[in-house]
Each structure stands twice: as structure tokens, then as C-alpha cells.
Protein backbone atom coordinates (compact mmCIF):
# COMPACT_ATOMS: atom_id res chain seq x y z
CA MET A 1 -62.81 -10.53 31.13
CA PRO A 2 -61.32 -14.08 30.41
CA ILE A 3 -57.63 -14.47 31.41
CA PRO A 4 -56.06 -16.34 28.27
CA LEU A 5 -54.65 -19.72 28.77
CA LEU A 6 -50.76 -19.96 28.33
CA GLN A 7 -50.93 -22.60 25.29
CA PRO A 8 -47.90 -23.64 23.35
CA LEU A 9 -47.92 -21.96 19.61
CA GLY A 10 -45.80 -22.63 16.82
CA ALA A 11 -43.21 -19.94 16.00
CA LEU A 12 -44.59 -17.07 14.10
CA LEU A 13 -43.43 -16.29 10.71
CA PRO A 14 -44.45 -12.68 9.92
CA ASP A 15 -42.13 -12.67 6.69
CA TRP A 16 -44.13 -16.06 5.26
CA CYS A 17 -45.30 -15.68 1.98
CA PRO A 18 -46.83 -18.54 0.20
CA PRO A 19 -44.48 -19.59 -3.03
CA PRO A 20 -45.82 -20.03 -6.14
CA PRO A 21 -46.62 -23.11 -8.02
CA PRO A 22 -43.43 -24.02 -9.79
CA PRO A 23 -43.51 -23.61 -13.61
CA HIS A 24 -43.28 -26.86 -15.80
CA THR A 25 -40.39 -25.33 -17.27
CA LEU A 26 -36.84 -27.43 -18.22
CA LEU A 27 -34.45 -27.98 -15.18
CA GLN A 28 -30.91 -28.37 -16.27
CA GLY A 29 -27.33 -28.78 -14.68
CA HIS A 30 -24.78 -31.30 -13.42
CA GLY A 31 -25.22 -33.34 -16.74
CA CYS A 32 -28.65 -33.79 -16.33
CA ARG A 33 -31.71 -32.21 -17.91
CA LEU A 34 -35.30 -32.09 -16.55
CA GLU A 35 -37.77 -32.28 -19.42
CA PRO A 36 -41.66 -31.49 -19.01
CA VAL A 37 -42.98 -34.58 -20.01
CA ASP A 38 -44.08 -34.61 -23.63
CA ALA A 39 -45.63 -38.01 -24.13
CA ALA A 40 -45.03 -38.10 -28.12
CA ARG A 41 -41.31 -37.35 -27.65
CA HIS A 42 -40.56 -39.30 -24.22
CA ALA A 43 -42.67 -42.51 -24.44
CA GLN A 44 -41.07 -44.70 -26.86
CA PRO A 45 -37.56 -43.83 -25.27
CA LEU A 46 -38.71 -44.07 -21.97
CA PHE A 47 -40.59 -47.49 -22.58
CA ASP A 48 -37.35 -48.77 -24.03
CA ALA A 49 -35.06 -47.60 -21.22
CA PHE A 50 -37.23 -49.40 -18.56
CA ALA A 51 -37.62 -52.53 -20.99
CA GLU A 52 -33.92 -52.89 -20.01
CA ASP A 53 -35.07 -54.26 -16.20
CA PRO A 54 -36.63 -57.99 -17.76
CA ASP A 55 -38.01 -59.01 -14.31
CA GLY A 56 -39.88 -55.61 -14.19
CA ALA A 57 -38.58 -55.14 -10.57
CA LEU A 58 -38.72 -51.59 -11.00
CA TRP A 59 -42.62 -51.34 -10.81
CA THR A 60 -42.68 -53.39 -7.45
CA TYR A 61 -43.46 -50.91 -5.19
CA LEU A 62 -45.19 -48.33 -7.60
CA PRO A 63 -48.68 -47.73 -8.19
CA TYR A 64 -48.80 -47.96 -12.13
CA GLY A 65 -46.82 -49.84 -14.21
CA PRO A 66 -45.45 -52.23 -15.86
CA PHE A 67 -46.58 -50.85 -19.22
CA ALA A 68 -47.32 -53.40 -22.38
CA ASP A 69 -46.24 -50.82 -24.72
CA ALA A 70 -45.05 -47.63 -25.40
CA THR A 71 -48.33 -46.77 -26.42
CA ALA A 72 -49.99 -47.47 -22.66
CA LEU A 73 -47.21 -45.44 -21.35
CA ALA A 74 -47.65 -42.34 -23.32
CA ALA A 75 -51.68 -42.62 -22.07
CA TRP A 76 -50.63 -42.47 -18.38
CA LEU A 77 -47.97 -39.68 -19.33
CA ASP A 78 -50.77 -38.26 -21.20
CA SER A 79 -53.37 -38.81 -17.84
CA LYS A 80 -50.81 -36.64 -15.92
CA ARG A 81 -50.54 -33.37 -17.56
CA GLY A 82 -52.54 -30.53 -16.74
CA LEU A 83 -52.87 -31.19 -12.98
CA SER A 84 -52.89 -28.13 -10.71
CA ASP A 85 -50.68 -30.45 -7.85
CA GLN A 86 -48.43 -32.33 -9.84
CA GLN A 87 -45.87 -32.29 -12.39
CA LEU A 88 -43.83 -34.66 -14.27
CA TYR A 89 -40.49 -34.76 -15.71
CA ALA A 90 -38.32 -37.17 -18.11
CA ILE A 91 -34.64 -37.42 -16.58
CA VAL A 92 -32.71 -37.20 -19.59
CA ASP A 93 -28.62 -37.64 -19.68
CA ALA A 94 -27.53 -34.29 -21.33
CA ALA A 95 -24.35 -35.82 -22.76
CA SER A 96 -26.32 -38.54 -24.85
CA GLY A 97 -29.66 -37.39 -24.81
CA ALA A 98 -31.22 -40.14 -23.80
CA ALA A 99 -34.55 -40.23 -21.57
CA LEU A 100 -33.83 -42.90 -18.60
CA GLY A 101 -36.49 -42.13 -16.38
CA LEU A 102 -39.16 -40.16 -14.51
CA CYS A 103 -39.49 -38.02 -11.35
CA GLY A 104 -41.86 -35.56 -10.17
CA TYR A 105 -43.79 -33.24 -7.77
CA LEU A 106 -46.85 -34.23 -5.80
CA ARG A 107 -49.08 -33.03 -3.43
CA ILE A 108 -47.68 -28.93 -4.35
CA GLN A 109 -49.31 -27.13 -1.48
CA PRO A 110 -48.09 -23.61 -1.50
CA GLU A 111 -50.58 -22.38 1.22
CA ALA A 112 -48.35 -24.45 3.53
CA GLY A 113 -44.93 -24.13 1.82
CA SER A 114 -44.91 -28.10 1.14
CA ILE A 115 -43.92 -29.96 -1.49
CA GLU A 116 -43.40 -33.93 -2.59
CA VAL A 117 -40.86 -35.53 -4.75
CA GLY A 118 -42.37 -38.53 -6.19
CA ASN A 119 -43.33 -40.57 -9.22
CA LEU A 120 -39.33 -41.98 -9.46
CA THR A 121 -38.92 -44.30 -12.23
CA TYR A 122 -35.82 -45.35 -12.82
CA SER A 123 -34.38 -47.55 -15.70
CA PRO A 124 -31.33 -49.91 -14.99
CA ARG A 125 -29.02 -47.32 -16.79
CA LEU A 126 -30.37 -44.75 -14.02
CA GLN A 127 -30.60 -46.39 -11.00
CA ARG A 128 -27.45 -45.57 -8.45
CA SER A 129 -26.07 -43.43 -10.54
CA ARG A 130 -24.84 -39.42 -10.62
CA LEU A 131 -27.03 -38.61 -12.85
CA ALA A 132 -30.03 -39.73 -10.50
CA THR A 133 -28.39 -37.50 -8.04
CA ALA A 134 -27.99 -34.66 -10.02
CA ALA A 135 -32.04 -35.20 -11.03
CA MET A 136 -32.67 -34.91 -7.26
CA ALA A 137 -30.32 -32.06 -6.47
CA LEU A 138 -32.13 -29.99 -9.32
CA MET A 139 -35.59 -30.36 -8.18
CA MET A 140 -34.80 -29.65 -4.72
CA GLU A 141 -32.44 -26.57 -5.98
CA ASN A 142 -35.77 -25.34 -7.59
CA ALA A 143 -38.38 -25.78 -4.75
CA PHE A 144 -36.29 -24.13 -2.28
CA ALA A 145 -35.83 -21.02 -4.42
CA LEU A 146 -39.43 -20.49 -4.97
CA GLY A 147 -39.63 -20.52 -1.42
CA TYR A 148 -40.94 -23.57 -0.68
CA ARG A 149 -40.20 -24.51 3.34
CA ARG A 150 -40.66 -28.23 3.26
CA TYR A 151 -39.92 -31.01 0.92
CA GLU A 152 -41.39 -34.69 1.32
CA TRP A 153 -40.46 -38.29 -0.07
CA LYS A 154 -42.31 -40.77 0.98
CA CYS A 155 -42.02 -44.36 -0.40
CA ASN A 156 -43.37 -47.94 0.62
CA ALA A 157 -42.27 -48.65 4.30
CA LEU A 158 -41.11 -52.28 2.22
CA ASN A 159 -38.97 -50.54 -0.28
CA ALA A 160 -35.52 -50.92 1.61
CA PRO A 161 -33.65 -49.21 -1.75
CA SER A 162 -35.74 -46.06 -1.73
CA CYS A 163 -35.86 -45.60 2.06
CA ARG A 164 -31.75 -46.09 1.81
CA ALA A 165 -31.94 -43.51 -1.17
CA ALA A 166 -33.70 -41.13 0.87
CA GLU A 167 -31.27 -41.36 3.77
CA ARG A 168 -28.67 -40.77 1.49
CA LEU A 169 -30.03 -37.76 0.21
CA GLY A 170 -29.99 -36.49 3.44
CA PHE A 171 -33.55 -36.94 4.47
CA THR A 172 -34.89 -36.93 8.11
CA PHE A 173 -37.11 -40.23 8.42
CA GLU A 174 -40.22 -38.61 10.50
CA GLY A 175 -42.45 -42.22 10.94
CA ILE A 176 -44.56 -44.94 9.11
CA PHE A 177 -48.32 -44.04 8.35
CA ARG A 178 -49.70 -47.60 8.76
CA GLN A 179 -51.84 -48.92 6.48
CA ALA A 180 -52.10 -45.87 4.70
CA THR A 181 -53.30 -46.92 1.24
CA VAL A 182 -53.68 -50.09 -0.96
CA VAL A 183 -51.70 -50.56 -4.25
CA LYS A 184 -52.03 -52.84 -6.83
CA GLY A 185 -54.62 -54.60 -4.26
CA ARG A 186 -51.95 -54.93 -1.42
CA ASN A 187 -51.67 -53.08 1.86
CA ARG A 188 -48.92 -49.77 2.03
CA ASP A 189 -47.78 -48.58 5.08
CA THR A 190 -45.87 -45.26 3.89
CA ALA A 191 -42.38 -43.98 5.46
CA TRP A 192 -42.23 -40.42 5.67
CA TYR A 193 -39.27 -38.85 5.14
CA SER A 194 -38.26 -34.78 4.79
CA ILE A 195 -35.80 -32.09 4.47
CA LEU A 196 -36.71 -28.51 5.79
CA ASP A 197 -35.76 -25.03 4.15
CA HIS A 198 -32.75 -24.18 7.26
CA GLU A 199 -31.28 -27.70 6.21
CA TRP A 200 -31.26 -27.23 2.35
CA PRO A 201 -27.89 -25.19 2.37
CA ARG A 202 -25.85 -27.70 4.13
CA LEU A 203 -27.00 -30.19 1.57
CA ARG A 204 -26.96 -27.83 -1.27
CA ASP A 205 -23.11 -27.73 -0.65
CA ALA A 206 -22.93 -31.50 -0.33
CA TYR A 207 -24.67 -32.34 -3.32
CA ALA A 208 -22.70 -30.07 -5.11
CA ARG A 209 -18.96 -31.12 -3.74
CA TRP A 210 -20.32 -34.56 -4.40
CA LEU A 211 -21.64 -33.83 -8.01
CA ALA A 212 -18.22 -31.84 -8.29
CA PRO A 213 -16.27 -33.62 -11.59
CA ASP A 214 -12.95 -34.38 -9.71
CA ASN A 215 -15.02 -36.83 -7.06
CA PHE A 216 -15.15 -39.65 -10.11
CA ASP A 217 -12.14 -40.96 -11.25
CA GLU A 218 -11.96 -41.70 -15.18
CA ALA A 219 -14.21 -44.99 -14.82
CA GLY A 220 -16.90 -42.95 -13.34
CA ARG A 221 -16.25 -44.05 -9.96
CA GLN A 222 -16.89 -41.81 -7.01
CA ARG A 223 -14.10 -41.25 -4.76
CA HIS A 224 -16.02 -39.79 -1.69
CA ALA A 225 -19.25 -41.52 -1.09
CA LEU A 226 -22.41 -39.09 -0.55
CA SER A 227 -23.14 -40.03 2.57
CA THR A 228 -20.18 -39.02 3.78
CA ARG A 229 -21.15 -35.21 2.72
CA THR A 230 -24.48 -35.46 3.96
CA GLY A 231 -23.60 -36.43 7.08
CA ARG A 232 -25.69 -40.06 6.88
CA ALA A 233 -24.34 -43.39 7.40
CA PRO A 234 -23.49 -45.17 4.53
């Protein structure tokens, strides 16, 4: 009878059960609404919001865009409907009803308990705002509540603002996939970040404290940076 080799293995997960795919439904909280994208309703206001970036800098690192008009944007939004491994949401300011950006789930892998946040397309009014952080908190809350164990963030390794945003939100840097893909005719090295399920409770509390109304003054300026809550360098 052969003697079993003493080879290392990962921890047993006796209670592991793959989570369901996230239902593509409205998510809301902290003054934010994440609405499943409807091209007929969202394309024009999103195009108008993106047009506030006259230099088109928000498209530099994205594999899509810029769009010539709202019709072209609507066609792209429609192309994302009904996909089993991704979902797209419009980020809406609950107070004004304005659609100011996009976010979504990518690489939805229930069998692995892994899900990615992506398609982050922020208009100038959304960038570096409380609403943007609220959107990310809602996306994470939903994923971990469903039972996902790994939440991923990926970006072009040269996209310094996206890398800083991931770190600010408490993601852990995992490394760079060199020559990962080609985007708009250029090489892309991809930086990988993640949050794991056992890290989420601490981060959830950090987001709740940062998003609390008393963390902002009358002009809407933060009193304490989120990085001080998540333990990341500012």
C-alpha cells in the first residue's frame, strides 16, 4: 500500500457553498442609487455627464470609449445586457436623480466565490466624491452578503489614480500581470487587488464611519480621510 505524501494543501472548507449570481436589481444607500443600466433611460444623462470632461481623460485607461454621441453610448450599454458573467449599473445621486457614472460586476464566478468590480467610469462630478465611495461600499456589501469570499479590483498598472483608489478603499495589492492584454493598440500590464471575506467586517465599519453625515462639514468636506479608517496610507 503506497504511503501518502505529506504534501501541503489549502484549508478545508466543510461549510463552503457557492453563492448565487448577484441579482441585477437596485442597490441603494448613503445617498446613492445603483440602477441596473437601461440604455433608453441612462444613455443621454450619462453622455452629458461624461461630456463635462472636455479632454476625455476619463477614457485613457478604459478599453471602451470615448463615445461620439449618446446613441453610440446607448449601443455599448445595450451590448452589456444579459451577460452571465457581468452586470452594469448607473451610479445615480439620490438627491438630484442625476446619473453620474458607471460601475459593475465582472468575472462573476460563483463556483470560486470570486467577483470583480469594474467598468468604473466616473464623470468629473463623481470623481473623488462621497457618492463614488458610497457606490463602492454598496457593491461590496452586496457581494459579501451573498456569500462571495473574494472581491477583486484590477486596473492598468500605469493608472496611478485607480491604484490609489484601490489602496484607499482597503484593497490589498497582489501583483502585476505583465503584458496581460492589449487595449486600444497598446500593451497593458494589469495591477491586481483584492478584499477577502474575513477582511470585510472591518472595512464595512470603516466605510460606515467615513460615510456618516457627521464626518462632513457644511461645505461637504470630509473631516477624516477614509485612509485613516481603513488603515491605508493617505
